[in-house]
Amino acid sequence: MELTPILIVLIIFSSIVAIILGPGYFKSREKQAMQEIVRAAIDKGEPMPPEMIDALTKEAKSRIPSAARDLRVGVILVAVSIGIALFGYAFSFVGGIEEAKAVYPIVGMGAIPGAVGVAFIILSFFNKNKD
């Protein structure tokens, strides 16, 4: 049995895992280092500088949902949905009858991010935080 196909599959999937998990790992390391600095400053009795407090609260403020962020995400998802649907439509011109039948499943897959995008756009109108 040849190992080349197995290695290719392993490399592809390990790359996907590294791309997904890598940034989260490095972000958690950065948070841990920041917490150690804050603990050391508190143990020594030093006052916290305003820049440090701003840096610590900046991430918490960025996670608060806002109408602008909801609208932006909704528009992007609707655009992705339209792109998938156009891909399915263009794919129908490639070949014969069999390729034309592939349009409906592809457009159906495109409807999923479109529906989520429309939900985000609707949420942007109801969100009280307009920042």
N, C-alpha and C. Protein backbone atom coordinates (compact mmCIF):
# COMPACT_ATOMS: atom_id res chain seq x y z
N MET A 1 0.84 -1.18 0.00
CA MET A 1 0.00 0.00 0.00
C MET A 1 0.88 1.24 0.00
N GLU A 2 0.54 2.16 -0.84
CA GLU A 2 1.34 3.37 -0.98
C GLU A 2 0.90 4.40 0.07
N LEU A 3 1.86 5.07 0.68
CA LEU A 3 1.56 6.01 1.75
C LEU A 3 1.32 7.43 1.27
N THR A 4 1.61 7.72 0.01
CA THR A 4 1.49 9.08 -0.49
C THR A 4 0.07 9.64 -0.35
N PRO A 5 -0.98 8.92 -0.77
CA PRO A 5 -2.33 9.49 -0.60
C PRO A 5 -2.69 9.73 0.86
N ILE A 6 -2.26 8.83 1.72
CA ILE A 6 -2.56 8.99 3.15
C ILE A 6 -1.85 10.22 3.70
N LEU A 7 -0.60 10.42 3.32
CA LEU A 7 0.14 11.59 3.78
C LEU A 7 -0.48 12.88 3.27
N ILE A 8 -0.93 12.87 2.04
CA ILE A 8 -1.57 14.07 1.48
C ILE A 8 -2.82 14.43 2.27
N VAL A 9 -3.64 13.44 2.55
CA VAL A 9 -4.87 13.68 3.32
C VAL A 9 -4.53 14.16 4.72
N LEU A 10 -3.55 13.54 5.36
CA LEU A 10 -3.15 13.97 6.71
C LEU A 10 -2.61 15.40 6.71
N ILE A 11 -1.83 15.75 5.71
CA ILE A 11 -1.29 17.11 5.64
C ILE A 11 -2.41 18.11 5.43
N ILE A 12 -3.36 17.80 4.57
CA ILE A 12 -4.47 18.73 4.32
C ILE A 12 -5.29 18.95 5.58
N PHE A 13 -5.67 17.87 6.25
CA PHE A 13 -6.50 18.01 7.44
C PHE A 13 -5.75 18.63 8.61
N SER A 14 -4.47 18.31 8.75
CA SER A 14 -3.69 18.93 9.83
C SER A 14 -3.49 20.42 9.55
N SER A 15 -3.39 20.80 8.29
CA SER A 15 -3.28 22.22 7.95
C SER A 15 -4.56 22.95 8.32
N ILE A 16 -5.69 22.34 8.02
CA ILE A 16 -6.98 22.95 8.36
C ILE A 16 -7.11 23.11 9.87
N VAL A 17 -6.72 22.10 10.62
CA VAL A 17 -6.79 22.17 12.08
C VAL A 17 -5.85 23.26 12.60
N ALA A 18 -4.65 23.35 12.04
CA ALA A 18 -3.69 24.37 12.48
C ALA A 18 -4.21 25.77 12.17
N ILE A 19 -4.84 25.95 11.03
CA ILE A 19 -5.37 27.27 10.67
C ILE A 19 -6.51 27.66 11.59
N ILE A 20 -7.32 26.71 11.99
CA ILE A 20 -8.46 27.02 12.85
C ILE A 20 -8.03 27.20 14.30
N LEU A 21 -7.18 26.32 14.82
CA LEU A 21 -6.83 26.34 16.23
C LEU A 21 -5.63 27.24 16.55
N GLY A 22 -4.78 27.50 15.58
CA GLY A 22 -3.55 28.27 15.83
C GLY A 22 -3.79 29.66 16.38
N PRO A 23 -4.61 30.48 15.74
CA PRO A 23 -4.83 31.84 16.27
C PRO A 23 -5.42 31.85 17.68
N GLY A 24 -6.32 30.93 17.97
CA GLY A 24 -6.89 30.87 19.31
C GLY A 24 -5.85 30.52 20.36
N TYR A 25 -4.93 29.63 20.01
CA TYR A 25 -3.86 29.26 20.94
C TYR A 25 -2.97 30.45 21.23
N PHE A 26 -2.55 31.17 20.20
CA PHE A 26 -1.66 32.30 20.41
C PHE A 26 -2.36 33.45 21.13
N LYS A 27 -3.65 33.61 20.90
CA LYS A 27 -4.40 34.64 21.61
C LYS A 27 -4.52 34.30 23.10
N SER A 28 -4.72 33.03 23.41
CA SER A 28 -4.81 32.64 24.82
C SER A 28 -3.46 32.80 25.51
N ARG A 29 -2.37 32.55 24.80
CA ARG A 29 -1.04 32.76 25.38
C ARG A 29 -0.82 34.25 25.67
N GLU A 30 -1.28 35.11 24.77
CA GLU A 30 -1.14 36.55 24.97
C GLU A 30 -1.95 37.00 26.19
N LYS A 31 -3.17 36.48 26.32
CA LYS A 31 -4.00 36.82 27.48
C LYS A 31 -3.35 36.36 28.77
N GLN A 32 -2.77 35.17 28.75
CA GLN A 32 -2.12 34.63 29.94
C GLN A 32 -0.93 35.49 30.34
N ALA A 33 -0.14 35.95 29.37
CA ALA A 33 0.99 36.81 29.68
C ALA A 33 0.52 38.14 30.26
N MET A 34 -0.56 38.69 29.72
CA MET A 34 -1.11 39.95 30.23
C MET A 34 -1.60 39.77 31.66
N GLN A 35 -2.25 38.65 31.95
CA GLN A 35 -2.73 38.40 33.31
C GLN A 35 -1.57 38.26 34.30
N GLU A 36 -0.49 37.66 33.88
CA GLU A 36 0.68 37.53 34.75
C GLU A 36 1.27 38.89 35.06
N ILE A 37 1.30 39.79 34.07
CA ILE A 37 1.81 41.14 34.29
C ILE A 37 0.91 41.88 35.28
N VAL A 38 -0.40 41.75 35.11
CA VAL A 38 -1.34 42.42 36.02
C VAL A 38 -1.21 41.86 37.43
N ARG A 39 -1.08 40.54 37.57
CA ARG A 39 -0.91 39.94 38.90
C ARG A 39 0.36 40.43 39.57
N ALA A 40 1.44 40.50 38.81
CA ALA A 40 2.70 40.98 39.38
C ALA A 40 2.58 42.43 39.83
N ALA A 41 1.90 43.26 39.06
CA ALA A 41 1.71 44.66 39.43
C ALA A 41 0.85 44.78 40.68
N ILE A 42 -0.18 43.98 40.76
CA ILE A 42 -1.05 44.02 41.94
C ILE A 42 -0.32 43.53 43.18
N ASP A 43 0.49 42.47 43.04
CA ASP A 43 1.25 41.94 44.17
C ASP A 43 2.25 42.97 44.70
N LYS A 44 2.82 43.77 43.82
CA LYS A 44 3.79 44.79 44.24
C LYS A 44 3.09 46.04 44.76
N GLY A 45 1.79 46.15 44.56
CA GLY A 45 1.03 47.29 45.03
C GLY A 45 1.12 48.49 44.12
N GLU A 46 1.53 48.29 42.90
CA GLU A 46 1.64 49.39 41.94
C GLU A 46 0.26 49.70 41.37
N PRO A 47 0.00 50.99 41.11
CA PRO A 47 -1.29 51.33 40.50
C PRO A 47 -1.32 50.92 39.03
N MET A 48 -2.51 50.62 38.57
CA MET A 48 -2.67 50.21 37.17
C MET A 48 -2.71 51.46 36.29
N PRO A 49 -1.85 51.54 35.28
CA PRO A 49 -1.92 52.70 34.37
C PRO A 49 -3.19 52.63 33.52
N PRO A 50 -3.71 53.78 33.11
CA PRO A 50 -4.95 53.80 32.31
C PRO A 50 -4.80 53.06 30.98
N GLU A 51 -3.61 53.07 30.42
CA GLU A 51 -3.40 52.36 29.15
C GLU A 51 -3.60 50.85 29.31
N MET A 52 -3.15 50.34 30.47
CA MET A 52 -3.30 48.91 30.74
C MET A 52 -4.77 48.56 30.91
N ILE A 53 -5.51 49.41 31.59
CA ILE A 53 -6.94 49.15 31.79
C ILE A 53 -7.67 49.21 30.45
N ASP A 54 -7.30 50.18 29.62
CA ASP A 54 -7.91 50.27 28.29
C ASP A 54 -7.62 49.03 27.45
N ALA A 55 -6.38 48.54 27.53
CA ALA A 55 -6.01 47.34 26.77
C ALA A 55 -6.77 46.12 27.25
N LEU A 56 -7.03 46.03 28.55
CA LEU A 56 -7.75 44.88 29.09
C LEU A 56 -9.24 44.93 28.76
N THR A 57 -9.82 46.12 28.72
CA THR A 57 -11.26 46.23 28.46
C THR A 57 -11.58 46.37 26.98
N LYS A 58 -10.57 46.59 26.16
CA LYS A 58 -10.81 46.78 24.72
C LYS A 58 -11.45 45.56 24.08
N GLU A 59 -10.95 44.37 24.44
CA GLU A 59 -11.49 43.15 23.85
C GLU A 59 -12.92 42.89 24.32
N ALA A 60 -13.21 43.18 25.57
CA ALA A 60 -14.56 42.98 26.08
C ALA A 60 -15.54 43.91 25.38
N LYS A 61 -15.11 45.13 25.09
CA LYS A 61 -15.98 46.07 24.39
C LYS A 61 -16.21 45.65 22.94
N SER A 62 -15.20 45.03 22.33
CA SER A 62 -15.34 44.65 20.92
C SER A 62 -16.28 43.47 20.73
N ARG A 63 -16.57 42.73 21.77
CA ARG A 63 -17.47 41.58 21.65
C ARG A 63 -18.94 41.94 21.83
N ILE A 64 -19.21 43.16 22.24
CA ILE A 64 -20.60 43.58 22.41
C ILE A 64 -21.23 43.72 21.03
N PRO A 65 -22.35 43.03 20.79
CA PRO A 65 -22.96 43.14 19.46
C PRO A 65 -23.49 44.55 19.21
N SER A 66 -23.30 45.01 18.00
CA SER A 66 -23.80 46.32 17.63
C SER A 66 -24.58 46.20 16.32
N ALA A 67 -25.39 47.21 16.05
CA ALA A 67 -26.20 47.20 14.84
C ALA A 67 -25.32 47.25 13.60
N ALA A 68 -24.25 48.02 13.65
CA ALA A 68 -23.36 48.13 12.49
C ALA A 68 -22.67 46.80 12.20
N ARG A 69 -22.25 46.11 13.25
CA ARG A 69 -21.58 44.82 13.06
C ARG A 69 -22.57 43.78 12.54
N ASP A 70 -23.78 43.78 13.08
CA ASP A 70 -24.79 42.84 12.60
C ASP A 70 -25.12 43.08 11.12
N LEU A 71 -25.25 44.36 10.76
CA LEU A 71 -25.55 44.69 9.38
C LEU A 71 -24.41 44.28 8.45
N ARG A 72 -23.18 44.52 8.88
CA ARG A 72 -22.01 44.16 8.08
C ARG A 72 -21.94 42.65 7.87
N VAL A 73 -22.12 41.89 8.93
CA VAL A 73 -22.09 40.42 8.81
C VAL A 73 -23.23 39.93 7.93
N GLY A 74 -24.40 40.53 8.09
CA GLY A 74 -25.55 40.13 7.28
C GLY A 74 -25.33 40.38 5.80
N VAL A 75 -24.79 41.55 5.47
CA VAL A 75 -24.55 41.86 4.07
C VAL A 75 -23.50 40.92 3.48
N ILE A 76 -22.46 40.61 4.24
CA ILE A 76 -21.43 39.69 3.76
C ILE A 76 -22.02 38.31 3.51
N LEU A 77 -22.84 37.82 4.42
CA LEU A 77 -23.43 36.50 4.24
C LEU A 77 -24.40 36.46 3.07
N VAL A 78 -25.16 37.51 2.87
CA VAL A 78 -26.05 37.57 1.71
C VAL A 78 -25.23 37.58 0.42
N ALA A 79 -24.11 38.32 0.42
CA ALA A 79 -23.24 38.34 -0.76
C ALA A 79 -22.63 36.96 -1.03
N VAL A 80 -22.25 36.25 0.02
CA VAL A 80 -21.73 34.88 -0.16
C VAL A 80 -22.82 34.00 -0.74
N SER A 81 -24.04 34.15 -0.26
CA SER A 81 -25.16 33.36 -0.77
C SER A 81 -25.40 33.64 -2.24
N ILE A 82 -25.36 34.90 -2.61
CA ILE A 82 -25.55 35.25 -4.02
C ILE A 82 -24.41 34.68 -4.86
N GLY A 83 -23.20 34.73 -4.35
CA GLY A 83 -22.06 34.16 -5.07
C GLY A 83 -22.20 32.66 -5.29
N ILE A 84 -22.66 31.95 -4.28
CA ILE A 84 -22.86 30.50 -4.43
C ILE A 84 -23.97 30.22 -5.44
N ALA A 85 -25.03 31.00 -5.39
CA ALA A 85 -26.13 30.81 -6.34
C ALA A 85 -25.67 31.10 -7.78
N LEU A 86 -24.87 32.15 -7.96
CA LEU A 86 -24.35 32.45 -9.30
C LEU A 86 -23.40 31.37 -9.79
N PHE A 87 -22.63 30.80 -8.87
CA PHE A 87 -21.78 29.68 -9.23
C PHE A 87 -22.62 28.51 -9.73
N GLY A 88 -23.70 28.20 -9.04
CA GLY A 88 -24.58 27.12 -9.48
C GLY A 88 -25.22 27.41 -10.83
N TYR A 89 -25.60 28.66 -11.03
CA TYR A 89 -26.20 29.05 -12.30
C TYR A 89 -25.18 28.93 -13.43
N ALA A 90 -23.95 29.39 -13.19
CA ALA A 90 -22.90 29.31 -14.21
C ALA A 90 -22.51 27.85 -14.47
N PHE A 91 -22.57 27.03 -13.45
CA PHE A 91 -22.22 25.62 -13.59
C PHE A 91 -23.21 24.90 -14.50
N SER A 92 -24.43 25.40 -14.59
CA SER A 92 -25.43 24.74 -15.42
C SER A 92 -25.12 24.88 -16.91
N PHE A 93 -24.30 25.85 -17.28
CA PHE A 93 -23.96 26.05 -18.69
C PHE A 93 -22.77 25.21 -19.14
N VAL A 94 -22.11 24.52 -18.21
CA VAL A 94 -20.89 23.78 -18.53
C VAL A 94 -21.18 22.57 -19.40
N GLY A 95 -22.16 21.81 -19.05
CA GLY A 95 -22.39 20.56 -19.76
C GLY A 95 -23.83 20.38 -20.16
N GLY A 96 -24.25 19.15 -20.09
CA GLY A 96 -25.59 18.79 -20.53
C GLY A 96 -26.61 18.84 -19.43
N ILE A 97 -27.53 17.91 -19.52
CA ILE A 97 -28.67 17.85 -18.61
C ILE A 97 -28.22 17.55 -17.18
N GLU A 98 -27.26 16.68 -17.01
CA GLU A 98 -26.83 16.29 -15.66
C GLU A 98 -26.28 17.49 -14.90
N GLU A 99 -25.51 18.35 -15.55
CA GLU A 99 -24.97 19.53 -14.87
C GLU A 99 -26.07 20.54 -14.57
N ALA A 100 -27.07 20.62 -15.43
CA ALA A 100 -28.18 21.54 -15.20
C ALA A 100 -28.97 21.14 -13.96
N LYS A 101 -29.04 19.84 -13.68
CA LYS A 101 -29.74 19.38 -12.49
C LYS A 101 -28.98 19.72 -11.21
N ALA A 102 -27.68 20.04 -11.32
CA ALA A 102 -26.89 20.37 -10.14
C ALA A 102 -27.14 21.77 -9.63
N VAL A 103 -27.87 22.57 -10.38
CA VAL A 103 -28.12 23.95 -9.98
C VAL A 103 -28.92 24.01 -8.68
N TYR A 104 -29.94 23.20 -8.57
CA TYR A 104 -30.84 23.28 -7.42
C TYR A 104 -30.15 22.95 -6.10
N PRO A 105 -29.34 21.89 -6.01
CA PRO A 105 -28.64 21.66 -4.73
C PRO A 105 -27.64 22.76 -4.40
N ILE A 106 -26.97 23.30 -5.42
CA ILE A 106 -25.99 24.36 -5.15
C ILE A 106 -26.70 25.63 -4.68
N VAL A 107 -27.80 25.97 -5.31
CA VAL A 107 -28.56 27.14 -4.88
C VAL A 107 -29.15 26.89 -3.48
N GLY A 108 -29.53 25.66 -3.20
CA GLY A 108 -30.02 25.33 -1.86
C GLY A 108 -28.95 25.51 -0.81
N MET A 109 -27.72 25.13 -1.14
CA MET A 109 -26.62 25.34 -0.20
C MET A 109 -26.37 26.83 -0.02
N GLY A 110 -26.53 27.61 -1.07
CA GLY A 110 -26.35 29.05 -0.97
C GLY A 110 -27.43 29.73 -0.17
N ALA A 111 -28.58 29.09 -0.05
CA ALA A 111 -29.69 29.69 0.71
C ALA A 111 -29.40 29.70 2.21
N ILE A 112 -28.55 28.80 2.67
CA ILE A 112 -28.26 28.73 4.12
C ILE A 112 -27.56 30.00 4.60
N PRO A 113 -26.40 30.38 4.03
CA PRO A 113 -25.80 31.64 4.50
C PRO A 113 -26.68 32.85 4.18
N GLY A 114 -27.48 32.76 3.13
CA GLY A 114 -28.39 33.87 2.82
C GLY A 114 -29.43 34.07 3.90
N ALA A 115 -30.00 32.98 4.38
CA ALA A 115 -31.00 33.07 5.45
C ALA A 115 -30.39 33.60 6.74
N VAL A 116 -29.19 33.15 7.06
CA VAL A 116 -28.50 33.65 8.26
C VAL A 116 -28.17 35.13 8.08
N GLY A 117 -27.75 35.52 6.88
CA GLY A 117 -27.47 36.92 6.61
C GLY A 117 -28.68 37.81 6.75
N VAL A 118 -29.81 37.34 6.25
CA VAL A 118 -31.06 38.11 6.40
C VAL A 118 -31.42 38.23 7.87
N ALA A 119 -31.20 37.17 8.64
CA ALA A 119 -31.47 37.24 10.08
C ALA A 119 -30.58 38.27 10.76
N PHE A 120 -29.30 38.35 10.37
CA PHE A 120 -28.42 39.36 10.94
C PHE A 120 -28.86 40.78 10.55
N ILE A 121 -29.31 40.94 9.32
CA ILE A 121 -29.78 42.25 8.89
C ILE A 121 -31.02 42.67 9.69
N ILE A 122 -31.94 41.74 9.91
CA ILE A 122 -33.12 42.03 10.73
C ILE A 122 -32.72 42.35 12.16
N LEU A 123 -31.75 41.60 12.71
CA LEU A 123 -31.27 41.88 14.06
C LEU A 123 -30.65 43.26 14.17
N SER A 124 -30.02 43.72 13.10
CA SER A 124 -29.38 45.04 13.16
C SER A 124 -30.42 46.15 13.37
N PHE A 125 -31.64 45.95 12.90
CA PHE A 125 -32.69 46.96 13.10
C PHE A 125 -33.24 46.94 14.52
N PHE A 126 -33.17 45.79 15.18
CA PHE A 126 -33.70 45.68 16.53
C PHE A 126 -32.64 45.89 17.61
N ASN A 127 -31.38 45.96 17.25
CA ASN A 127 -30.30 46.11 18.21
C ASN A 127 -30.30 47.53 18.77
N LYS A 128 -30.32 47.66 20.08
CA LYS A 128 -30.34 48.97 20.74
C LYS A 128 -28.97 49.64 20.68
N ASN A 129 -27.90 48.83 20.66
CA ASN A 129 -26.54 49.37 20.64
C ASN A 129 -26.20 49.76 19.20
N LYS A 130 -26.21 51.04 18.89
CA LYS A 130 -26.01 51.51 17.53
C LYS A 130 -24.55 51.80 17.20
N ASP A 131 -23.63 51.52 18.10
CA ASP A 131 -22.20 51.81 17.86
C ASP A 131 -21.64 50.99 16.75
